[in-house]
Amino acid sequence: MAQQAAPAPLKIIRRPAVEDRTGLSRSTIYGKLRQNPKRPAEFDPTFPRPVSISKKAVGWVESEVDAWLAEQVRKSRPDVAPTPKPKARPQYRPAPVAILDSAA
């Protein structure tokens, strides 16, 4: 009988940790969560939703925040063909010098 791998435990991180990981401010994080007619570009439907952990506290699933960050990195770096390595430069070899016989 094959054993199934145990699922990774969920880790909930609080807002200051989300701020540290994403580099976003508190207002930007909450702006990404809701549509605001005054700031329509701030809303991001792909941003992870918080989960309620008590009556007055929320947190974010760490793996969802990490996945969102990875997606942002992928979007910011377009698929480009890898740059080829420069060819090795040929070694400098001086041209042969003709020796003139001054006696002739």
Protein backbone atom coordinates (compact mmCIF):
# COMPACT_ATOMS: atom_id res chain seq x y z
CA MET A 1 0.00 0.00 0.00
CA ALA A 2 1.52 3.30 -1.11
CA GLN A 3 1.83 6.05 1.44
CA GLN A 4 0.60 9.47 0.47
CA ALA A 5 2.77 12.45 1.27
CA ALA A 6 1.32 14.56 4.03
CA PRO A 7 0.10 17.93 2.76
CA ALA A 8 2.27 20.84 3.75
CA PRO A 9 0.79 22.66 6.73
CA LEU A 10 -0.70 26.04 5.96
CA LYS A 11 1.14 28.95 7.42
CA ILE A 12 -0.79 32.14 7.99
CA ILE A 13 1.19 35.37 7.94
CA ARG A 14 -0.06 38.68 9.23
CA ARG A 15 -0.12 41.99 7.39
CA PRO A 16 3.32 43.26 8.51
CA ALA A 17 4.86 40.07 7.11
CA VAL A 18 2.94 40.54 3.83
CA GLU A 19 4.25 44.11 3.69
CA ASP A 20 7.81 42.87 4.24
CA ARG A 21 7.54 40.14 1.61
CA THR A 22 5.86 42.20 -1.09
CA GLY A 23 7.32 45.62 -0.38
CA LEU A 24 3.81 47.05 -0.55
CA SER A 25 2.33 49.47 1.96
CA ARG A 26 -0.75 48.72 4.02
CA SER A 27 -2.96 50.98 1.91
CA THR A 28 -1.70 49.42 -1.33
CA ILE A 29 -2.37 45.90 -0.04
CA TYR A 30 -5.96 46.79 0.84
CA GLY A 31 -6.28 48.75 -2.41
CA LYS A 32 -5.41 45.60 -4.35
CA LEU A 33 -8.26 43.80 -2.60
CA ARG A 34 -11.14 46.09 -3.53
CA GLN A 35 -12.20 48.12 -6.52
CA ASN A 36 -12.08 51.85 -5.97
CA PRO A 37 -13.39 54.23 -8.63
CA LYS A 38 -10.87 56.84 -7.52
CA ARG A 39 -7.95 54.43 -8.01
CA PRO A 40 -9.02 51.85 -10.60
CA ALA A 41 -5.47 50.76 -11.45
CA GLU A 42 -4.76 49.70 -7.87
CA PHE A 43 -7.23 46.77 -7.82
CA ASP A 44 -5.61 43.41 -8.56
CA PRO A 45 -7.97 40.41 -8.71
CA THR A 46 -4.97 38.06 -8.58
CA PHE A 47 -3.76 39.36 -5.22
CA PRO A 48 -4.28 36.76 -2.46
CA ARG A 49 -7.37 37.26 -0.32
CA PRO A 50 -6.97 37.41 3.45
CA VAL A 51 -8.53 34.77 5.65
CA SER A 52 -10.27 35.52 8.91
CA ILE A 53 -8.39 34.03 11.85
CA SER A 54 -10.54 35.58 14.58
CA LYS A 55 -13.27 38.19 14.95
CA LYS A 56 -10.82 41.06 14.55
CA ALA A 57 -7.81 39.53 12.83
CA VAL A 58 -6.96 38.42 9.31
CA GLY A 59 -3.93 36.83 7.77
CA TRP A 60 -2.72 35.62 4.41
CA VAL A 61 -1.77 32.10 3.37
CA GLU A 62 2.01 32.25 2.97
CA SER A 63 2.13 29.97 -0.07
CA GLU A 64 -0.46 32.13 -1.88
CA VAL A 65 1.57 35.29 -1.24
CA ASP A 66 4.72 33.52 -2.47
CA ALA A 67 2.91 32.31 -5.61
CA TRP A 68 1.62 35.84 -6.32
CA LEU A 69 5.14 37.23 -5.95
CA ALA A 70 6.55 34.57 -8.30
CA GLU A 71 3.88 35.48 -10.86
CA GLN A 72 4.79 39.17 -10.62
CA VAL A 73 8.43 38.32 -11.30
CA ARG A 74 7.42 36.14 -14.27
CA LYS A 75 5.23 38.93 -15.72
CA SER A 76 7.96 41.53 -15.34
CA ARG A 77 10.52 39.48 -17.24
CA PRO A 78 9.22 38.79 -20.75
CA ASP A 79 10.24 35.62 -22.48
CA VAL A 80 13.27 36.48 -24.50
CA ALA A 81 15.69 34.17 -26.16
CA PRO A 82 18.69 33.75 -23.93
CA THR A 83 21.55 35.90 -25.05
CA PRO A 84 24.26 33.81 -26.64
CA LYS A 85 27.60 33.80 -24.97
CA PRO A 86 30.09 36.01 -26.78
CA LYS A 87 32.51 34.13 -28.95
CA ALA A 88 35.99 33.81 -27.61
CA ARG A 89 38.21 36.51 -28.99
CA PRO A 90 41.03 35.28 -31.15
CA GLN A 91 44.42 35.58 -29.57
CA TYR A 92 46.40 38.56 -30.71
CA ARG A 93 49.13 37.44 -33.04
CA PRO A 94 51.33 40.08 -34.58
CA ALA A 95 51.75 39.91 -38.31
CA PRO A 96 55.07 38.48 -39.46
CA VAL A 97 57.63 41.17 -40.04
CA ALA A 98 59.85 40.95 -43.08
CA ILE A 99 63.50 41.53 -42.24
CA LEU A 100 65.17 43.54 -44.91
CA ASP A 101 68.79 42.83 -45.61
CA SER A 102 70.45 46.21 -45.69
CA ALA A 103 73.61 44.76 -47.27
CA ALA A 104 71.93 44.04 -50.58
